[in-house]
PDB file of N, CA and C in Angstrom:
ATOM      1  N   MET A   1     -16.564  -2.197   3.823  1.00  0.00           N
ATOM      2  CA  MET A   1     -15.948  -1.985   2.388  1.00  0.00           C
ATOM      3  C   MET A   1     -14.617  -1.149   2.297  1.00  0.00           C
ATOM      4  N   LEU A   2     -13.744  -1.900   1.324  1.00  0.00           N
ATOM      5  CA  LEU A   2     -12.607  -1.264   0.906  1.00  0.00           C
ATOM      6  C   LEU A   2     -12.663  -0.156  -0.116  1.00  0.00           C
ATOM      7  N   PRO A   3     -11.573   0.968   0.308  1.00  0.00           N
ATOM      8  CA  PRO A   3     -12.340   2.255  -0.845  1.00  0.00           C
ATOM      9  C   PRO A   3     -11.310   1.389  -2.351  1.00  0.00           C
ATOM     10  N   LEU A   4     -11.249   1.687  -3.045  1.00  0.00           N
ATOM     11  CA  LEU A   4     -11.171   0.953  -4.330  1.00  0.00           C
ATOM     12  C   LEU A   4      -9.313   1.733  -4.272  1.00  0.00           C
ATOM     13  N   TRP A   5      -8.919   0.594  -4.133  1.00  0.00           N
ATOM     14  CA  TRP A   5      -7.267   0.895  -4.277  1.00  0.00           C
ATOM     15  C   TRP A   5      -6.715   1.029  -5.711  1.00  0.00           C
ATOM     16  N   ASP A   6      -5.918   2.185  -5.880  1.00  0.00           N
ATOM     17  CA  ASP A   6      -5.046   2.746  -6.917  1.00  0.00           C
ATOM     18  C   ASP A   6      -4.031   3.052  -6.622  1.00  0.00           C
ATOM     19  N   PRO A   7      -2.833   1.984  -7.205  1.00  0.00           N
ATOM     20  CA  PRO A   7      -1.820   2.216  -6.223  1.00  0.00           C
ATOM     21  C   PRO A   7      -0.562   3.528  -7.135  1.00  0.00           C
ATOM     22  N   ALA A   8      -1.340   3.923  -8.268  1.00  0.00           N
ATOM     23  CA  ALA A   8      -0.451   5.174  -8.994  1.00  0.00           C
ATOM     24  C   ALA A   8      -1.155   6.272  -8.113  1.00  0.00           C
ATOM     25  N   ALA A   9      -2.230   6.542  -7.411  1.00  0.00           N
ATOM     26  CA  ALA A   9      -2.876   7.400  -6.424  1.00  0.00           C
ATOM     27  C   ALA A   9      -1.493   8.037  -6.097  1.00  0.00           C
ATOM     28  N   GLN A  10      -1.192   9.153  -5.516  1.00  0.00           N
ATOM     29  CA  GLN A  10      -0.422   9.677  -4.337  1.00  0.00           C
ATOM     30  C   GLN A  10      -0.752   9.096  -3.167  1.00  0.00           C
ATOM     31  N   TRP A  11      -1.679   9.210  -2.508  1.00  0.00           N
ATOM     32  CA  TRP A  11      -1.714   8.666  -1.381  1.00  0.00           C
ATOM     33  C   TRP A  11      -1.456   7.272  -1.073  1.00  0.00           C
ATOM     34  N   ALA A  12      -1.855   6.714  -2.287  1.00  0.00           N
ATOM     35  CA  ALA A  12      -1.229   5.598  -2.120  1.00  0.00           C
ATOM     36  C   ALA A  12       0.594   4.220  -1.868  1.00  0.00           C
ATOM     37  N   LYS A  13       0.878   5.673  -2.042  1.00  0.00           N
ATOM     38  CA  LYS A  13       2.151   5.500  -2.069  1.00  0.00           C
ATOM     39  C   LYS A  13       2.950   5.869  -0.803  1.00  0.00           C
ATOM     40  N   ALA A  14       2.175   6.033   0.599  1.00  0.00           N
ATOM     41  CA  ALA A  14       2.749   6.627   1.751  1.00  0.00           C
ATOM     42  C   ALA A  14       3.254   4.931   1.825  1.00  0.00           C
ATOM     43  N   ILE A  15       4.659   5.183   2.810  1.00  0.00           N
ATOM     44  CA  ILE A  15       4.776   4.593   3.764  1.00  0.00           C
ATOM     45  C   ILE A  15       3.956   3.256   4.447  1.00  0.00           C
ATOM     46  N   GLY A  16       4.070   1.811   3.851  1.00  0.00           N
ATOM     47  CA  GLY A  16       2.867   1.022   4.847  1.00  0.00           C
ATOM     48  C   GLY A  16       1.612   0.922   3.847  1.00  0.00           C
ATOM     49  N   ALA A  17       1.397   1.906   2.889  1.00  0.00           N
ATOM     50  CA  ALA A  17      -0.029   2.090   2.522  1.00  0.00           C
ATOM     51  C   ALA A  17      -0.015   0.609   1.489  1.00  0.00           C
ATOM     52  N   PRO A  18       0.591   0.125   0.964  1.00  0.00           N
ATOM     53  CA  PRO A  18       0.581  -0.858  -0.048  1.00  0.00           C
ATOM     54  C   PRO A  18       0.643  -2.485   0.747  1.00  0.00           C
ATOM     55  N   ASP A  19       1.111  -2.044   1.905  1.00  0.00           N
ATOM     56  CA  ASP A  19       1.307  -3.193   3.022  1.00  0.00           C
ATOM     57  C   ASP A  19       0.367  -3.453   3.826  1.00  0.00           C
ATOM     58  N   LEU A  20      -0.641  -2.722   4.158  1.00  0.00           N
ATOM     59  CA  LEU A  20      -1.872  -2.636   4.583  1.00  0.00           C
ATOM     60  C   LEU A  20      -3.160  -3.131   3.778  1.00  0.00           C
ATOM     61  N   ILE A  21      -3.076  -2.742   2.362  1.00  0.00           N
ATOM     62  CA  ILE A  21      -4.003  -3.138   2.128  1.00  0.00           C
ATOM     63  C   ILE A  21      -3.488  -4.441   1.251  1.00  0.00           C
ATOM     64  N   ALA A  22      -2.395  -4.801   1.020  1.00  0.00           N
ATOM     65  CA  ALA A  22      -2.292  -6.563   1.086  1.00  0.00           C
ATOM     66  C   ALA A  22      -2.295  -7.358   2.526  1.00  0.00           C
ATOM     67  N   HIS A  23      -2.762  -6.689   3.569  1.00  0.00           N
ATOM     68  CA  HIS A  23      -2.995  -7.474   4.674  1.00  0.00           C
ATOM     69  C   HIS A  23      -4.438  -7.493   4.313  1.00  0.00           C
ATOM     70  N   LEU A  24      -5.243  -5.924   4.140  1.00  0.00           N
ATOM     71  CA  LEU A  24      -6.612  -6.579   3.740  1.00  0.00           C
ATOM     72  C   LEU A  24      -7.645  -7.148   3.160  1.00  0.00           C
ATOM     73  N   GLN A  25      -6.366  -7.407   1.919  1.00  0.00           N
ATOM     74  CA  GLN A  25      -7.198  -8.117   1.100  1.00  0.00           C
ATOM     75  C   GLN A  25      -6.407  -9.608   0.946  1.00  0.00           C
ATOM     76  N   GLY A  26      -6.085 -10.040   2.295  1.00  0.00           N
ATOM     77  CA  GLY A  26      -5.347 -11.334   2.333  1.00  0.00           C
ATOM     78  C   GLY A  26      -4.402 -11.740   2.414  1.00  0.00           C
ATOM     79  N   HIS A  27      -3.667 -11.147   1.400  1.00  0.00           N
ATOM     80  CA  HIS A  27      -2.188 -11.550   0.901  1.00  0.00           C
ATOM     81  C   HIS A  27      -1.184 -11.926   1.694  1.00  0.00           C
ATOM     82  N   LEU A  28      -1.485 -10.736   3.006  1.00  0.00           N
ATOM     83  CA  LEU A  28      -0.309 -10.813   3.921  1.00  0.00           C
ATOM     84  C   LEU A  28      -0.602 -10.984   5.188  1.00  0.00           C
ATOM     85  N   THR A  29      -0.219 -11.441   5.853  1.00  0.00           N
ATOM     86  CA  THR A  29      -0.784 -11.018   7.694  1.00  0.00           C
ATOM     87  C   THR A  29      -0.749  -9.972   7.836  1.00  0.00           C
ATOM     88  N   LEU A  30      -0.982  -8.936   9.412  1.00  0.00           N
ATOM     89  CA  LEU A  30      -0.728  -8.541   9.972  1.00  0.00           C
ATOM     90  C   LEU A  30       0.378  -8.486  10.300  1.00  0.00           C
ATOM     91  N   ALA A  31       1.285  -9.376  11.360  1.00  0.00           N
ATOM     92  CA  ALA A  31       2.808  -8.905  11.480  1.00  0.00           C
ATOM     93  C   ALA A  31       3.446  -9.000  10.209  1.00  0.00           C
ATOM     94  N   GLU A  32       3.344  -9.554   9.189  1.00  0.00           N
ATOM     95  CA  GLU A  32       4.028  -9.215   7.527  1.00  0.00           C
ATOM     96  C   GLU A  32       4.171  -7.764   7.336  1.00  0.00           C
ATOM     97  N   ALA A  33       2.536  -7.801   7.102  1.00  0.00           N
ATOM     98  CA  ALA A  33       2.527  -6.183   6.931  1.00  0.00           C
ATOM     99  C   ALA A  33       3.543  -4.646   7.582  1.00  0.00           C
ATOM    100  N   THR A  34       2.572  -5.359   9.033  1.00  0.00           N
ATOM    101  CA  THR A  34       3.936  -4.576  10.226  1.00  0.00           C
ATOM    102  C   THR A  34       5.160  -4.793  10.195  1.00  0.00           C
ATOM    103  N   GLU A  35       5.746  -5.616   9.768  1.00  0.00           N
ATOM    104  CA  GLU A  35       7.470  -5.514   9.327  1.00  0.00           C
ATOM    105  C   GLU A  35       7.660  -5.174   8.129  1.00  0.00           C
ATOM    106  N   ARG A  36       6.993  -4.991   7.169  1.00  0.00           N
ATOM    107  CA  ARG A  36       7.505  -4.313   5.970  1.00  0.00           C
ATOM    108  C   ARG A  36       7.283  -2.923   5.654  1.00  0.00           C
ATOM    109  N   ALA A  37       5.913  -2.850   6.804  1.00  0.00           N
ATOM    110  CA  ALA A  37       5.965  -0.950   6.642  1.00  0.00           C
ATOM    111  C   ALA A  37       7.321  -0.793   7.577  1.00  0.00           C
ATOM    112  N   ILE A  38       7.814  -1.289   8.761  1.00  0.00           N
ATOM    113  CA  ILE A  38       9.078  -0.790   8.807  1.00  0.00           C
ATOM    114  C   ILE A  38      10.202  -0.532   8.446  1.00  0.00           C
ATOM    115  N   ILE A  39      10.328  -2.114   7.915  1.00  0.00           N
ATOM    116  CA  ILE A  39      11.464  -1.444   6.813  1.00  0.00           C
ATOM    117  C   ILE A  39      11.540  -0.971   6.098  1.00  0.00           C
ATOM    118  N   ALA A  40      10.477  -0.501   5.287  1.00  0.00           N
ATOM    119  CA  ALA A  40       9.735   0.897   4.387  1.00  0.00           C
ATOM    120  C   ALA A  40      10.539   1.997   5.128  1.00  0.00           C
ATOM    121  N   SER A  41      10.227   2.215   6.306  1.00  0.00           N
ATOM    122  CA  SER A  41      10.216   3.624   6.817  1.00  0.00           C
ATOM    123  C   SER A  41      11.770   3.264   7.124  1.00  0.00           C
ATOM    124  N   ARG A  42      12.593   2.190   7.560  1.00  0.00           N
ATOM    125  CA  ARG A  42      13.595   2.545   8.010  1.00  0.00           C
ATOM    126  C   ARG A  42      14.788   2.804   6.537  1.00  0.00           C
ATOM    127  N   GLN A  43      14.364   2.039   5.683  1.00  0.00           N
ATOM    128  CA  GLN A  43      14.671   2.809   4.532  1.00  0.00           C
ATOM    129  C   GLN A  43      14.876   3.789   4.231  1.00  0.00           C
ATOM    130  N   TYR A  44      13.240   4.192   4.124  1.00  0.00           N
ATOM    131  CA  TYR A  44      13.352   5.924   3.371  1.00  0.00           C
ATOM    132  C   TYR A  44      14.297   7.088   4.430  1.00  0.00           C
ATOM    133  N   ALA A  45      14.026   6.544   5.696  1.00  0.00           N
ATOM    134  CA  ALA A  45      15.069   7.415   7.042  1.00  0.00           C
ATOM    135  C   ALA A  45      16.683   7.514   6.564  1.00  0.00           C
ATOM    136  N   LYS A  46      16.620   6.149   6.066  1.00  0.00           N
ATOM    137  CA  LYS A  46      18.063   5.944   5.726  1.00  0.00           C
ATOM    138  C   LYS A  46      18.363   6.523   4.477  1.00  0.00           C
ATOM    139  N   ALA A  47      17.878   6.727   3.292  1.00  0.00           N
ATOM    140  CA  ALA A  47      18.195   7.818   2.254  1.00  0.00           C
ATOM    141  C   ALA A  47      18.091   9.234   2.265  1.00  0.00           C
ATOM    142  N   GLN A  48      16.636   9.298   3.312  1.00  0.00           N
ATOM    143  CA  GLN A  48      16.964  10.967   3.910  1.00  0.00           C
ATOM    144  C   GLN A  48      18.484  11.234   4.485  1.00  0.00           C
ATOM    145  N   ARG A  49      19.141  10.406   5.228  1.00  0.00           N
ATOM    146  CA  ARG A  49      20.275  11.035   6.085  1.00  0.00           C
ATOM    147  C   ARG A  49      21.233  10.679   4.745  1.00  0.00           C
ATOM    148  N   ILE A  50      21.269  10.165   3.675  1.00  0.00           N
ATOM    149  CA  ILE A  50      22.236  10.033   2.528  1.00  0.00           C
ATOM    150  C   ILE A  50      22.096  11.406   2.119  1.00  0.00           C
ATOM    151  N   TRP A  51      20.661  11.763   2.022  1.00  0.00           N
ATOM    152  CA  TRP A  51      20.484  12.964   0.471  1.00  0.00           C
ATOM    153  C   TRP A  51      21.178  13.691   1.301  1.00  0.00           C
ATOM    154  N   PHE A  52      21.205  14.097   2.939  1.00  0.00           N
ATOM    155  CA  PHE A  52      21.244  14.895   3.722  1.00  0.00           C
ATOM    156  C   PHE A  52      22.642  15.460   3.518  1.00  0.00           C
ATOM    157  N   ARG A  53      22.757  14.492   4.056  1.00  0.00           N
ATOM    158  CA  ARG A  53      24.663  14.370   3.920  1.00  0.00           C
ATOM    159  C   ARG A  53      25.735  14.730   3.077  1.00  0.00           C
ATOM    160  N   GLY A  54      25.016  14.316   1.588  1.00  0.00           N
ATOM    161  CA  GLY A  54      25.604  14.598   0.373  1.00  0.00           C
ATOM    162  C   GLY A  54      25.797  16.283  -0.108  1.00  0.00           C
ATOM    163  N   ARG A  55      24.375  16.834   0.699  1.00  0.00           N
ATOM    164  CA  ARG A  55      23.985  17.949   0.387  1.00  0.00           C
ATOM    165  C   ARG A  55      24.301  19.139   1.791  1.00  0.00           C
ATOM    166  N   MET A  56      24.653  18.427   2.815  1.00  0.00           N
ATOM    167  CA  MET A  56      25.464  19.179   3.799  1.00  0.00           C
ATOM    168  C   MET A  56      26.614  19.341   4.035  1.00  0.00           C
ATOM    169  N   ARG A  57      27.480  18.464   3.383  1.00  0.00           N
ATOM    170  CA  ARG A  57      28.887  18.256   3.484  1.00  0.00           C
ATOM    171  C   ARG A  57      29.604  19.844   3.866  1.00  0.00           C
ATOM    172  N   ASN A  58      29.308  20.592   3.178  1.00  0.00           N
ATOM    173  CA  ASN A  58      30.620  22.099   3.898  1.00  0.00           C
ATOM    174  C   ASN A  58      29.568  23.118   4.624  1.00  0.00           C
ATOM    175  N   TRP A  59      28.784  22.744   5.001  1.00  0.00           N
ATOM    176  CA  TRP A  59      27.881  23.448   6.123  1.00  0.00           C
ATOM    177  C   TRP A  59      28.961  23.256   7.263  1.00  0.00           C
ATOM    178  N   GLN A  60      28.719  24.438   8.084  1.00  0.00           N
ATOM    179  CA  GLN A  60      29.330  24.236   9.313  1.00  0.00           C
ATOM    180  C   GLN A  60      28.760  24.721  10.400  1.00  0.00           C
ATOM    181  N   MET A  61      29.036  23.581  11.485  1.00  0.00           N
ATOM    182  CA  MET A  61      28.316  23.733  12.662  1.00  0.00           C
ATOM    183  C   MET A  61      28.193  25.198  13.396  1.00  0.00           C
ATOM    184  N   TRP A  62      27.224  25.345  13.948  1.00  0.00           N
ATOM    185  CA  TRP A  62      27.016  26.798  14.432  1.00  0.00           C
ATOM    186  C   TRP A  62      26.386  26.213  15.726  1.00  0.00           C
ATOM    187  N   GLN A  63      27.256  26.696  17.099  1.00  0.00           N
ATOM    188  CA  GLN A  63      26.979  26.019  18.838  1.00  0.00           C
ATOM    189  C   GLN A  63      25.285  27.392  18.724  1.00  0.00           C
ATOM    190  N   ALA A  64      24.535  26.948  19.705  1.00  0.00           N
ATOM    191  CA  ALA A  64      23.579  27.445  20.292  1.00  0.00           C
ATOM    192  C   ALA A  64      24.116  28.408  21.311  1.00  0.00           C
ATOM    193  N   SER A  65      25.236  28.220  21.659  1.00  0.00           N
ATOM    194  CA  SER A  65      25.753  29.233  22.782  1.00  0.00           C
ATOM    195  C   SER A  65      26.385  30.943  21.914  1.00  0.00           C
ATOM    196  N   ASN A  66      26.317  30.589  20.460  1.00  0.00           N
ATOM    197  CA  ASN A  66      26.593  31.846  19.922  1.00  0.00           C
ATOM    198  C   ASN A  66      25.623  32.503  19.670  1.00  0.00           C
ATOM    199  N   ALA A  67      24.216  32.300  20.085  1.00  0.00           N
ATOM    200  CA  ALA A  67      22.841  32.966  19.933  1.00  0.00           C
ATOM    201  C   ALA A  67      22.807  34.672  20.079  1.00  0.00           C
ATOM    202  N   GLY A  68      23.899  34.919  21.172  1.00  0.00           N
ATOM    203  CA  GLY A  68      23.800  35.999  21.608  1.00  0.00           C
ATOM    204  C   GLY A  68      24.940  37.031  20.755  1.00  0.00           C
ATOM    205  N   LEU A  69      25.395  36.723  19.785  1.00  0.00           N
ATOM    206  CA  LEU A  69      26.374  37.121  18.705  1.00  0.00           C
ATOM    207  C   LEU A  69      25.548  37.651  17.657  1.00  0.00           C
ATOM    208  N   ILE A  70      24.517  37.253  17.704  1.00  0.00           N
ATOM    209  CA  ILE A  70      23.380  37.557  16.511  1.00  0.00           C
ATOM    210  C   ILE A  70      22.955  39.220  16.611  1.00  0.00           C
ATOM    211  N   ALA A  71      22.989  39.827  15.413  1.00  0.00           N
ATOM    212  CA  ALA A  71      22.475  41.410  16.119  1.00  0.00           C
ATOM    213  C   ALA A  71      20.902  41.260  15.534  1.00  0.00           C
ATOM    214  N   PRO A  72      20.067  42.059  16.195  1.00  0.00           N
ATOM    215  CA  PRO A  72      18.878  42.119  15.991  1.00  0.00           C
ATOM    216  C   PRO A  72      18.675  42.342  15.041  1.00  0.00           C
TER     217      PRO A  72
END
């Protein structure tokens, strides 16, 4: 028996959750649900890259070889 599906619940917004439920309810094949979850994961990762790129524009790279220069 499937748990009560509440699309407004926080856990229901997880990547792939709506697709898995659609599969379990018979609306999608497992392959379709998997493909949709993969696409959603890639879209989320791209959005994260864009978000970080916009906020880290003025950051300077710090090389690990500089570690000895930090005072304890």
